[in-house]
Amino acid sequence: MGASKSESFSAEHNEMATLFKALSHPARIAIVDYLLKVDTCICGDIVNELPLAQPTVSQHLAALKNANIIKGNIEGTAICYCINSDTIAKIVSHFGAITTQLKNKCC
């Protein structure tokens, strides 16, 4: 979406669109699921879990990190990733509001 069009929407709409776009690839969902399962990990561990090459996994990790869905801390020569719970809370809140509004709909 061009910058001129995104300015027509609220900050929350743009933020949610960025988050959903970052989560719109099955490899990224698998990465999030893996991080939830192990709590934290090193990039090499993620590469071993996915049927993708290391550079591809790094690209997906970068997309998740740029959207603030995951955080990464440098530990020596490795990066230890974890889920950013604040960002996940925003997603949960957004879907919670949708769920609440749907309860009052007739369709």
PDB file of N, CA and C in Angstrom:
ATOM      1  N   MET A   1       0.853  -1.167   0.000  1.00  0.00           N
ATOM      2  CA  MET A   1       0.000   0.000   0.000  1.00  0.00           C
ATOM      3  C   MET A   1       0.896   1.226   0.000  1.00  0.00           C
ATOM      4  N   GLY A   2       0.627   2.175  -0.879  1.00  0.00           N
ATOM      5  CA  GLY A   2       1.421   3.388  -0.956  1.00  0.00           C
ATOM      6  C   GLY A   2       1.255   4.247   0.278  1.00  0.00           C
ATOM      7  N   ALA A   3       2.248   5.049   0.554  1.00  0.00           N
ATOM      8  CA  ALA A   3       2.234   5.905   1.740  1.00  0.00           C
ATOM      9  C   ALA A   3       1.039   6.839   1.726  1.00  0.00           C
ATOM     10  N   SER A   4       0.670   7.344   0.556  1.00  0.00           N
ATOM     11  CA  SER A   4      -0.452   8.275   0.497  1.00  0.00           C
ATOM     12  C   SER A   4      -1.762   7.594   0.883  1.00  0.00           C
ATOM     13  N   LYS A   5      -1.905   6.325   0.559  1.00  0.00           N
ATOM     14  CA  LYS A   5      -3.125   5.594   0.914  1.00  0.00           C
ATOM     15  C   LYS A   5      -3.134   5.207   2.394  1.00  0.00           C
ATOM     16  N   SER A   6      -1.997   4.786   2.935  1.00  0.00           N
ATOM     17  CA  SER A   6      -1.964   4.356   4.331  1.00  0.00           C
ATOM     18  C   SER A   6      -2.240   5.512   5.280  1.00  0.00           C
ATOM     19  N   GLU A   7      -1.967   6.731   4.847  1.00  0.00           N
ATOM     20  CA  GLU A   7      -2.249   7.899   5.686  1.00  0.00           C
ATOM     21  C   GLU A   7      -3.750   8.097   5.882  1.00  0.00           C
ATOM     22  N   SER A   8      -4.560   7.473   5.046  1.00  0.00           N
ATOM     23  CA  SER A   8      -6.022   7.604   5.141  1.00  0.00           C
ATOM     24  C   SER A   8      -6.610   6.763   6.262  1.00  0.00           C
ATOM     25  N   PHE A   9      -5.792   5.910   6.872  1.00  0.00           N
ATOM     26  CA  PHE A   9      -6.273   5.002   7.905  1.00  0.00           C
ATOM     27  C   PHE A   9      -5.660   5.366   9.248  1.00  0.00           C
ATOM     28  N   SER A  10      -6.289   4.875  10.299  1.00  0.00           N
ATOM     29  CA  SER A  10      -5.805   5.189  11.648  1.00  0.00           C
ATOM     30  C   SER A  10      -4.459   4.525  11.913  1.00  0.00           C
ATOM     31  N   ALA A  11      -3.783   5.013  12.922  1.00  0.00           N
ATOM     32  CA  ALA A  11      -2.496   4.428  13.326  1.00  0.00           C
ATOM     33  C   ALA A  11      -2.687   2.971  13.717  1.00  0.00           C
ATOM     34  N   GLU A  12      -3.809   2.666  14.383  1.00  0.00           N
ATOM     35  CA  GLU A  12      -4.068   1.280  14.782  1.00  0.00           C
ATOM     36  C   GLU A  12      -4.280   0.390  13.561  1.00  0.00           C
ATOM     37  N   HIS A  13      -5.015   0.870  12.581  1.00  0.00           N
ATOM     38  CA  HIS A  13      -5.233   0.083  11.360  1.00  0.00           C
ATOM     39  C   HIS A  13      -3.903  -0.211  10.672  1.00  0.00           C
ATOM     40  N   ASN A  14      -3.062   0.789  10.567  1.00  0.00           N
ATOM     41  CA  ASN A  14      -1.758   0.598   9.926  1.00  0.00           C
ATOM     42  C   ASN A  14      -0.875  -0.344  10.730  1.00  0.00           C
ATOM     43  N   GLU A  15      -0.919  -0.228  12.059  1.00  0.00           N
ATOM     44  CA  GLU A  15      -0.115  -1.117  12.897  1.00  0.00           C
ATOM     45  C   GLU A  15      -0.574  -2.564  12.762  1.00  0.00           C
ATOM     46  N   MET A  16      -1.890  -2.785  12.804  1.00  0.00           N
ATOM     47  CA  MET A  16      -2.401  -4.148  12.661  1.00  0.00           C
ATOM     48  C   MET A  16      -2.074  -4.714  11.284  1.00  0.00           C
ATOM     49  N   ALA A  17      -2.171  -3.897  10.245  1.00  0.00           N
ATOM     50  CA  ALA A  17      -1.839  -4.359   8.893  1.00  0.00           C
ATOM     51  C   ALA A  17      -0.373  -4.771   8.811  1.00  0.00           C
ATOM     52  N   THR A  18       0.498  -4.015   9.453  1.00  0.00           N
ATOM     53  CA  THR A  18       1.921  -4.365   9.469  1.00  0.00           C
ATOM     54  C   THR A  18       2.148  -5.685  10.183  1.00  0.00           C
ATOM     55  N   LEU A  19       1.479  -5.874  11.315  1.00  0.00           N
ATOM     56  CA  LEU A  19       1.624  -7.118  12.071  1.00  0.00           C
ATOM     57  C   LEU A  19       1.085  -8.300  11.291  1.00  0.00           C
ATOM     58  N   PHE A  20      -0.092  -8.158  10.703  1.00  0.00           N
ATOM     59  CA  PHE A  20      -0.695  -9.257   9.958  1.00  0.00           C
ATOM     60  C   PHE A  20       0.127  -9.589   8.710  1.00  0.00           C
ATOM     61  N   LYS A  21       0.690  -8.561   8.081  1.00  0.00           N
ATOM     62  CA  LYS A  21       1.537  -8.811   6.916  1.00  0.00           C
ATOM     63  C   LYS A  21       2.765  -9.619   7.323  1.00  0.00           C
ATOM     64  N   ALA A  22       3.345  -9.274   8.454  1.00  0.00           N
ATOM     65  CA  ALA A  22       4.522 -10.008   8.936  1.00  0.00           C
ATOM     66  C   ALA A  22       4.173 -11.455   9.272  1.00  0.00           C
ATOM     67  N   LEU A  23       2.952 -11.695   9.668  1.00  0.00           N
ATOM     68  CA  LEU A  23       2.521 -13.050  10.027  1.00  0.00           C
ATOM     69  C   LEU A  23       1.889 -13.804   8.856  1.00  0.00           C
ATOM     70  N   SER A  24       1.925 -13.216   7.667  1.00  0.00           N
ATOM     71  CA  SER A  24       1.183 -13.800   6.541  1.00  0.00           C
ATOM     72  C   SER A  24       1.953 -14.848   5.751  1.00  0.00           C
ATOM     73  N   HIS A  25       2.975 -15.424   6.336  1.00  0.00           N
ATOM     74  CA  HIS A  25       3.721 -16.490   5.663  1.00  0.00           C
ATOM     75  C   HIS A  25       3.782 -17.698   6.596  1.00  0.00           C
ATOM     76  N   PRO A  26       3.541 -18.901   6.086  1.00  0.00           N
ATOM     77  CA  PRO A  26       3.538 -20.084   6.965  1.00  0.00           C
ATOM     78  C   PRO A  26       4.864 -20.300   7.695  1.00  0.00           C
ATOM     79  N   ALA A  27       5.983 -19.924   7.087  1.00  0.00           N
ATOM     80  CA  ALA A  27       7.270 -20.087   7.772  1.00  0.00           C
ATOM     81  C   ALA A  27       7.342 -19.186   9.002  1.00  0.00           C
ATOM     82  N   ARG A  28       6.764 -18.012   8.906  1.00  0.00           N
ATOM     83  CA  ARG A  28       6.788 -17.080  10.047  1.00  0.00           C
ATOM     84  C   ARG A  28       5.879 -17.563  11.164  1.00  0.00           C
ATOM     85  N   ILE A  29       4.753 -18.143  10.789  1.00  0.00           N
ATOM     86  CA  ILE A  29       3.877 -18.738  11.805  1.00  0.00           C
ATOM     87  C   ILE A  29       4.605 -19.893  12.479  1.00  0.00           C
ATOM     88  N   ALA A  30       5.313 -20.705  11.699  1.00  0.00           N
ATOM     89  CA  ALA A  30       6.081 -21.821  12.267  1.00  0.00           C
ATOM     90  C   ALA A  30       7.174 -21.312  13.206  1.00  0.00           C
ATOM     91  N   ILE A  31       7.809 -20.214  12.841  1.00  0.00           N
ATOM     92  CA  ILE A  31       8.842 -19.635  13.715  1.00  0.00           C
ATOM     93  C   ILE A  31       8.229 -19.175  15.027  1.00  0.00           C
ATOM     94  N   VAL A  32       7.101 -18.494  14.961  1.00  0.00           N
ATOM     95  CA  VAL A  32       6.425 -18.036  16.185  1.00  0.00           C
ATOM     96  C   VAL A  32       6.027 -19.236  17.036  1.00  0.00           C
ATOM     97  N   ASP A  33       5.450 -20.254  16.420  1.00  0.00           N
ATOM     98  CA  ASP A  33       5.066 -21.457  17.162  1.00  0.00           C
ATOM     99  C   ASP A  33       6.280 -22.103  17.833  1.00  0.00           C
ATOM    100  N   TYR A  34       7.391 -22.171  17.109  1.00  0.00           N
ATOM    101  CA  TYR A  34       8.603 -22.767  17.674  1.00  0.00           C
ATOM    102  C   TYR A  34       9.121 -21.948  18.856  1.00  0.00           C
ATOM    103  N   LEU A  35       9.132 -20.623  18.701  1.00  0.00           N
ATOM    104  CA  LEU A  35       9.601 -19.773  19.798  1.00  0.00           C
ATOM    105  C   LEU A  35       8.701 -19.898  21.022  1.00  0.00           C
ATOM    106  N   LEU A  36       7.411 -20.066  20.805  1.00  0.00           N
ATOM    107  CA  LEU A  36       6.496 -20.267  21.931  1.00  0.00           C
ATOM    108  C   LEU A  36       6.773 -21.598  22.622  1.00  0.00           C
ATOM    109  N   LYS A  37       7.130 -22.591  21.834  1.00  0.00           N
ATOM    110  CA  LYS A  37       7.379 -23.925  22.382  1.00  0.00           C
ATOM    111  C   LYS A  37       8.659 -23.960  23.208  1.00  0.00           C
ATOM    112  N   VAL A  38       9.717 -23.317  22.710  1.00  0.00           N
ATOM    113  CA  VAL A  38      11.011 -23.418  23.386  1.00  0.00           C
ATOM    114  C   VAL A  38      11.331 -22.210  24.253  1.00  0.00           C
ATOM    115  N   ASP A  39      10.517 -21.173  24.205  1.00  0.00           N
ATOM    116  CA  ASP A  39      10.655 -19.938  24.966  1.00  0.00           C
ATOM    117  C   ASP A  39      11.734 -19.029  24.380  1.00  0.00           C
ATOM    118  N   THR A  40      12.957 -19.504  24.185  1.00  0.00           N
ATOM    119  CA  THR A  40      14.004 -18.733  23.506  1.00  0.00           C
ATOM    120  C   THR A  40      14.842 -19.716  22.701  1.00  0.00           C
ATOM    121  N   CYS A  41      15.561 -19.211  21.735  1.00  0.00           N
ATOM    122  CA  CYS A  41      16.431 -20.101  20.976  1.00  0.00           C
ATOM    123  C   CYS A  41      17.459 -19.293  20.212  1.00  0.00           C
ATOM    124  N   ILE A  42      18.378 -19.989  19.619  1.00  0.00           N
ATOM    125  CA  ILE A  42      19.394 -19.389  18.768  1.00  0.00           C
ATOM    126  C   ILE A  42      18.980 -19.654  17.331  1.00  0.00           C
ATOM    127  N   CYS A  43      19.346 -18.758  16.438  1.00  0.00           N
ATOM    128  CA  CYS A  43      18.934 -18.860  15.036  1.00  0.00           C
ATOM    129  C   CYS A  43      19.196 -20.245  14.452  1.00  0.00           C
ATOM    130  N   GLY A  44      20.324 -20.843  14.754  1.00  0.00           N
ATOM    131  CA  GLY A  44      20.649 -22.165  14.228  1.00  0.00           C
ATOM    132  C   GLY A  44      19.620 -23.209  14.604  1.00  0.00           C
ATOM    133  N   ASP A  45      19.054 -23.090  15.794  1.00  0.00           N
ATOM    134  CA  ASP A  45      18.009 -24.018  16.223  1.00  0.00           C
ATOM    135  C   ASP A  45      16.776 -23.890  15.337  1.00  0.00           C
ATOM    136  N   ILE A  46      16.437 -22.673  14.964  1.00  0.00           N
ATOM    137  CA  ILE A  46      15.269 -22.445  14.119  1.00  0.00           C
ATOM    138  C   ILE A  46      15.517 -23.037  12.731  1.00  0.00           C
ATOM    139  N   VAL A  47      16.711 -22.848  12.210  1.00  0.00           N
ATOM    140  CA  VAL A  47      17.048 -23.396  10.890  1.00  0.00           C
ATOM    141  C   VAL A  47      16.885 -24.906  10.890  1.00  0.00           C
ATOM    142  N   ASN A  48      17.251 -25.554  11.982  1.00  0.00           N
ATOM    143  CA  ASN A  48      17.125 -27.015  12.071  1.00  0.00           C
ATOM    144  C   ASN A  48      15.671 -27.467  12.134  1.00  0.00           C
ATOM    145  N   GLU A  49      14.766 -26.595  12.519  1.00  0.00           N
ATOM    146  CA  GLU A  49      13.352 -26.941  12.654  1.00  0.00           C
ATOM    147  C   GLU A  49      12.549 -26.733  11.380  1.00  0.00           C
ATOM    148  N   LEU A  50      13.055 -25.937  10.463  1.00  0.00           N
ATOM    149  CA  LEU A  50      12.296 -25.597   9.262  1.00  0.00           C
ATOM    150  C   LEU A  50      12.945 -26.191   8.016  1.00  0.00           C
ATOM    151  N   PRO A  51      12.143 -26.487   7.004  1.00  0.00           N
ATOM    152  CA  PRO A  51      12.692 -27.046   5.760  1.00  0.00           C
ATOM    153  C   PRO A  51      13.176 -25.941   4.815  1.00  0.00           C
ATOM    154  N   LEU A  52      13.887 -24.956   5.396  1.00  0.00           N
ATOM    155  CA  LEU A  52      14.345 -23.806   4.629  1.00  0.00           C
ATOM    156  C   LEU A  52      15.832 -23.578   4.853  1.00  0.00           C
ATOM    157  N   ALA A  53      16.461 -22.937   3.898  1.00  0.00           N
ATOM    158  CA  ALA A  53      17.875 -22.606   4.027  1.00  0.00           C
ATOM    159  C   ALA A  53      18.071 -21.496   5.058  1.00  0.00           C
ATOM    160  N   GLN A  54      19.255 -21.436   5.612  1.00  0.00           N
ATOM    161  CA  GLN A  54      19.557 -20.443   6.652  1.00  0.00           C
ATOM    162  C   GLN A  54      19.297 -19.007   6.190  1.00  0.00           C
ATOM    163  N   PRO A  55      19.693 -18.611   4.966  1.00  0.00           N
ATOM    164  CA  PRO A  55      19.404 -17.231   4.558  1.00  0.00           C
ATOM    165  C   PRO A  55      17.903 -16.926   4.488  1.00  0.00           C
ATOM    166  N   THR A  56      17.110 -17.921   4.089  1.00  0.00           N
ATOM    167  CA  THR A  56      15.659 -17.739   4.023  1.00  0.00           C
ATOM    168  C   THR A  56      15.076 -17.584   5.415  1.00  0.00           C
ATOM    169  N   VAL A  57      15.527 -18.398   6.351  1.00  0.00           N
ATOM    170  CA  VAL A  57      15.074 -18.281   7.743  1.00  0.00           C
ATOM    171  C   VAL A  57      15.457 -16.907   8.286  1.00  0.00           C
ATOM    172  N   SER A  58      16.656 -16.451   7.977  1.00  0.00           N
ATOM    173  CA  SER A  58      17.096 -15.128   8.436  1.00  0.00           C
ATOM    174  C   SER A  58      16.199 -14.022   7.898  1.00  0.00           C
ATOM    175  N   GLN A  59      15.762 -14.153   6.646  1.00  0.00           N
ATOM    176  CA  GLN A  59      14.849 -13.158   6.071  1.00  0.00           C
ATOM    177  C   GLN A  59      13.510 -13.149   6.812  1.00  0.00           C
ATOM    178  N   HIS A  60      13.007 -14.330   7.133  1.00  0.00           N
ATOM    179  CA  HIS A  60      11.741 -14.410   7.864  1.00  0.00           C
ATOM    180  C   HIS A  60      11.895 -13.863   9.282  1.00  0.00           C
ATOM    181  N   LEU A  61      13.009 -14.164   9.923  1.00  0.00           N
ATOM    182  CA  LEU A  61      13.275 -13.619  11.259  1.00  0.00           C
ATOM    183  C   LEU A  61      13.351 -12.097  11.208  1.00  0.00           C
ATOM    184  N   ALA A  62      13.979 -11.559  10.177  1.00  0.00           N
ATOM    185  CA  ALA A  62      14.079 -10.112  10.032  1.00  0.00           C
ATOM    186  C   ALA A  62      12.696  -9.472   9.870  1.00  0.00           C
ATOM    187  N   ALA A  63      11.828 -10.107   9.089  1.00  0.00           N
ATOM    188  CA  ALA A  63      10.473  -9.578   8.902  1.00  0.00           C
ATOM    189  C   ALA A  63       9.715  -9.568  10.221  1.00  0.00           C
ATOM    190  N   LEU A  64       9.841 -10.644  11.001  1.00  0.00           N
ATOM    191  CA  LEU A  64       9.172 -10.704  12.310  1.00  0.00           C
ATOM    192  C   LEU A  64       9.761  -9.686  13.282  1.00  0.00           C
ATOM    193  N   LYS A  65      11.057  -9.516  13.223  1.00  0.00           N
ATOM    194  CA  LYS A  65      11.710  -8.556  14.122  1.00  0.00           C
ATOM    195  C   LYS A  65      11.358  -7.123  13.726  1.00  0.00           C
ATOM    196  N   ASN A  66      11.334  -6.829  12.429  1.00  0.00           N
ATOM    197  CA  ASN A  66      10.976  -5.483  11.972  1.00  0.00           C
ATOM    198  C   ASN A  66       9.558  -5.104  12.378  1.00  0.00           C
ATOM    199  N   ALA A  67       8.677  -6.085  12.452  1.00  0.00           N
ATOM    200  CA  ALA A  67       7.297  -5.841  12.884  1.00  0.00           C
ATOM    201  C   ALA A  67       7.170  -5.855  14.401  1.00  0.00           C
ATOM    202  N   ASN A  68       8.279  -6.100  15.095  1.00  0.00           N
ATOM    203  CA  ASN A  68       8.318  -6.110  16.559  1.00  0.00           C
ATOM    204  C   ASN A  68       7.556  -7.291  17.157  1.00  0.00           C
ATOM    205  N   ILE A  69       7.379  -8.353  16.380  1.00  0.00           N
ATOM    206  CA  ILE A  69       6.707  -9.556  16.870  1.00  0.00           C
ATOM    207  C   ILE A  69       7.683 -10.403  17.682  1.00  0.00           C
ATOM    208  N   ILE A  70       8.953 -10.369  17.286  1.00  0.00           N
ATOM    209  CA  ILE A  70       9.984 -11.060  18.060  1.00  0.00           C
ATOM    210  C   ILE A  70      11.061 -10.061  18.449  1.00  0.00           C
ATOM    211  N   LYS A  71      11.818 -10.439  19.471  1.00  0.00           N
ATOM    212  CA  LYS A  71      12.969  -9.649  19.913  1.00  0.00           C
ATOM    213  C   LYS A  71      14.188 -10.540  19.794  1.00  0.00           C
ATOM    214  N   GLY A  72      15.338  -9.927  19.596  1.00  0.00           N
ATOM    215  CA  GLY A  72      16.576 -10.692  19.503  1.00  0.00           C
ATOM    216  C   GLY A  72      17.667 -10.050  20.322  1.00  0.00           C
ATOM    217  N   ASN A  73      18.357 -10.873  21.080  1.00  0.00           N
ATOM    218  CA  ASN A  73      19.493 -10.409  21.874  1.00  0.00           C
ATOM    219  C   ASN A  73      20.745 -11.111  21.385  1.00  0.00           C
ATOM    220  N   ILE A  74      21.813 -10.349  21.205  1.00  0.00           N
ATOM    221  CA  ILE A  74      23.073 -10.933  20.765  1.00  0.00           C
ATOM    222  C   ILE A  74      23.770 -11.549  21.967  1.00  0.00           C
ATOM    223  N   GLU A  75      24.097 -12.827  21.838  1.00  0.00           N
ATOM    224  CA  GLU A  75      24.818 -13.558  22.879  1.00  0.00           C
ATOM    225  C   GLU A  75      26.042 -14.188  22.237  1.00  0.00           C
ATOM    226  N   GLY A  76      27.158 -13.517  22.351  1.00  0.00           N
ATOM    227  CA  GLY A  76      28.370 -13.991  21.695  1.00  0.00           C
ATOM    228  C   GLY A  76      28.241 -13.834  20.200  1.00  0.00           C
ATOM    229  N   THR A  77      28.364 -14.934  19.481  1.00  0.00           N
ATOM    230  CA  THR A  77      28.238 -14.889  18.020  1.00  0.00           C
ATOM    231  C   THR A  77      26.842 -15.292  17.550  1.00  0.00           C
ATOM    232  N   ALA A  78      25.929 -15.504  18.468  1.00  0.00           N
ATOM    233  CA  ALA A  78      24.576 -15.948  18.114  1.00  0.00           C
ATOM    234  C   ALA A  78      23.547 -14.908  18.551  1.00  0.00           C
ATOM    235  N   ILE A  79      22.373 -15.009  17.978  1.00  0.00           N
ATOM    236  CA  ILE A  79      21.256 -14.152  18.377  1.00  0.00           C
ATOM    237  C   ILE A  79      20.189 -15.046  18.987  1.00  0.00           C
ATOM    238  N   CYS A  80      19.768 -14.696  20.176  1.00  0.00           N
ATOM    239  CA  CYS A  80      18.740 -15.449  20.884  1.00  0.00           C
ATOM    240  C   CYS A  80      17.416 -14.713  20.709  1.00  0.00           C
ATOM    241  N   TYR A  81      16.440 -15.374  20.084  1.00  0.00           N
ATOM    242  CA  TYR A  81      15.156 -14.748  19.793  1.00  0.00           C
ATOM    243  C   TYR A  81      14.096 -15.168  20.795  1.00  0.00           C
ATOM    244  N   CYS A  82      13.123 -14.260  21.018  1.00  0.00           N
ATOM    245  CA  CYS A  82      11.955 -14.591  21.834  1.00  0.00           C
ATOM    246  C   CYS A  82      10.770 -13.765  21.331  1.00  0.00           C
ATOM    247  N   ILE A  83       9.587 -14.179  21.737  1.00  0.00           N
ATOM    248  CA  ILE A  83       8.351 -13.493  21.363  1.00  0.00           C
ATOM    249  C   ILE A  83       8.252 -12.177  22.135  1.00  0.00           C
ATOM    250  N   ASN A  84       7.807 -11.127  21.452  1.00  0.00           N
ATOM    251  CA  ASN A  84       7.553  -9.847  22.115  1.00  0.00           C
ATOM    252  C   ASN A  84       6.113  -9.884  22.622  1.00  0.00           C
ATOM    253  N   SER A  85       5.960 -10.110  23.905  1.00  0.00           N
ATOM    254  CA  SER A  85       4.615 -10.290  24.476  1.00  0.00           C
ATOM    255  C   SER A  85       3.768  -9.029  24.377  1.00  0.00           C
ATOM    256  N   ASP A  86       4.372  -7.858  24.356  1.00  0.00           N
ATOM    257  CA  ASP A  86       3.604  -6.612  24.222  1.00  0.00           C
ATOM    258  C   ASP A  86       2.911  -6.547  22.860  1.00  0.00           C
ATOM    259  N   THR A  87       3.618  -6.949  21.823  1.00  0.00           N
ATOM    260  CA  THR A  87       3.032  -6.936  20.487  1.00  0.00           C
ATOM    261  C   THR A  87       1.935  -7.983  20.364  1.00  0.00           C
ATOM    262  N   ILE A  88       2.161  -9.153  20.922  1.00  0.00           N
ATOM    263  CA  ILE A  88       1.135 -10.197  20.883  1.00  0.00           C
ATOM    264  C   ILE A  88      -0.107  -9.738  21.646  1.00  0.00           C
ATOM    265  N   ALA A  89       0.080  -9.014  22.734  1.00  0.00           N
ATOM    266  CA  ALA A  89      -1.052  -8.489  23.500  1.00  0.00           C
ATOM    267  C   ALA A  89      -1.885  -7.525  22.653  1.00  0.00           C
ATOM    268  N   LYS A  90      -1.240  -6.742  21.801  1.00  0.00           N
ATOM    269  CA  LYS A  90      -1.980  -5.840  20.902  1.00  0.00           C
ATOM    270  C   LYS A  90      -2.841  -6.634  19.921  1.00  0.00           C
ATOM    271  N   ILE A  91      -2.269  -7.719  19.378  1.00  0.00           N
ATOM    272  CA  ILE A  91      -3.020  -8.556  18.445  1.00  0.00           C
ATOM    273  C   ILE A  91      -4.212  -9.196  19.155  1.00  0.00           C
ATOM    274  N   VAL A  92      -3.975  -9.724  20.351  1.00  0.00           N
ATOM    275  CA  VAL A  92      -5.050 -10.352  21.133  1.00  0.00           C
ATOM    276  C   VAL A  92      -6.149  -9.333  21.435  1.00  0.00           C
ATOM    277  N   SER A  93      -5.756  -8.125  21.799  1.00  0.00           N
ATOM    278  CA  SER A  93      -6.731  -7.076  22.097  1.00  0.00           C
ATOM    279  C   SER A  93      -7.567  -6.743  20.859  1.00  0.00           C
ATOM    280  N   HIS A  94      -6.910  -6.667  19.718  1.00  0.00           N
ATOM    281  CA  HIS A  94      -7.619  -6.355  18.473  1.00  0.00           C
ATOM    282  C   HIS A  94      -8.655  -7.434  18.159  1.00  0.00           C
ATOM    283  N   PHE A  95      -8.241  -8.704  18.244  1.00  0.00           N
ATOM    284  CA  PHE A  95      -9.183  -9.786  17.973  1.00  0.00           C
ATOM    285  C   PHE A  95     -10.228  -9.917  19.072  1.00  0.00           C
ATOM    286  N   GLY A  96      -9.873  -9.551  20.299  1.00  0.00           N
ATOM    287  CA  GLY A  96     -10.854  -9.551  21.383  1.00  0.00           C
ATOM    288  C   GLY A  96     -11.973  -8.561  21.107  1.00  0.00           C
ATOM    289  N   ALA A  97     -11.618  -7.390  20.597  1.00  0.00           N
ATOM    290  CA  ALA A  97     -12.632  -6.387  20.249  1.00  0.00           C
ATOM    291  C   ALA A  97     -13.518  -6.891  19.116  1.00  0.00           C
ATOM    292  N   ILE A  98     -12.934  -7.562  18.151  1.00  0.00           N
ATOM    293  CA  ILE A  98     -13.722  -8.141  17.048  1.00  0.00           C
ATOM    294  C   ILE A  98     -14.682  -9.190  17.588  1.00  0.00           C
ATOM    295  N   THR A  99     -14.186 -10.061  18.456  1.00  0.00           N
ATOM    296  CA  THR A  99     -15.013 -11.122  19.032  1.00  0.00           C
ATOM    297  C   THR A  99     -16.181 -10.530  19.816  1.00  0.00           C
ATOM    298  N   THR A 100     -15.923  -9.510  20.595  1.00  0.00           N
ATOM    299  CA  THR A 100     -16.976  -8.853  21.378  1.00  0.00           C
ATOM    300  C   THR A 100     -18.037  -8.268  20.461  1.00  0.00           C
ATOM    301  N   GLN A 101     -17.613  -7.611  19.400  1.00  0.00           N
ATOM    302  CA  GLN A 101     -18.571  -7.016  18.467  1.00  0.00           C
ATOM    303  C   GLN A 101     -19.362  -8.073  17.709  1.00  0.00           C
ATOM    304  N   LEU A 102     -18.740  -9.209  17.423  1.00  0.00           N
ATOM    305  CA  LEU A 102     -19.446 -10.270  16.699  1.00  0.00           C
ATOM    306  C   LEU A 102     -20.552 -10.888  17.538  1.00  0.00           C
ATOM    307  N   LYS A 103     -20.398 -10.899  18.846  1.00  0.00           N
ATOM    308  CA  LYS A 103     -21.415 -11.488  19.723  1.00  0.00           C
ATOM    309  C   LYS A 103     -22.734 -10.739  19.615  1.00  0.00           C
ATOM    310  N   ASN A 104     -22.682  -9.488  19.211  1.00  0.00           N
ATOM    311  CA  ASN A 104     -23.875  -8.665  19.121  1.00  0.00           C
ATOM    312  C   ASN A 104     -24.447  -8.588  17.717  1.00  0.00           C
ATOM    313  N   LYS A 105     -23.923  -9.389  16.796  1.00  0.00           N
ATOM    314  CA  LYS A 105     -24.386  -9.374  15.413  1.00  0.00           C
ATOM    315  C   LYS A 105     -25.349 -10.527  15.179  1.00  0.00           C
ATOM    316  N   CYS A 106     -26.254 -10.330  14.255  1.00  0.00           N
ATOM    317  CA  CYS A 106     -27.252 -11.366  13.988  1.00  0.00           C
ATOM    318  C   CYS A 106     -26.816 -12.379  12.944  1.00  0.00           C
ATOM    319  N   CYS A 107     -25.810 -12.108  12.176  1.00  0.00           N
ATOM    320  CA  CYS A 107     -25.424 -13.005  11.073  1.00  0.00           C
ATOM    321  C   CYS A 107     -24.494 -14.086  11.530  1.00  0.00           C
TER     322      CYS A 107
END
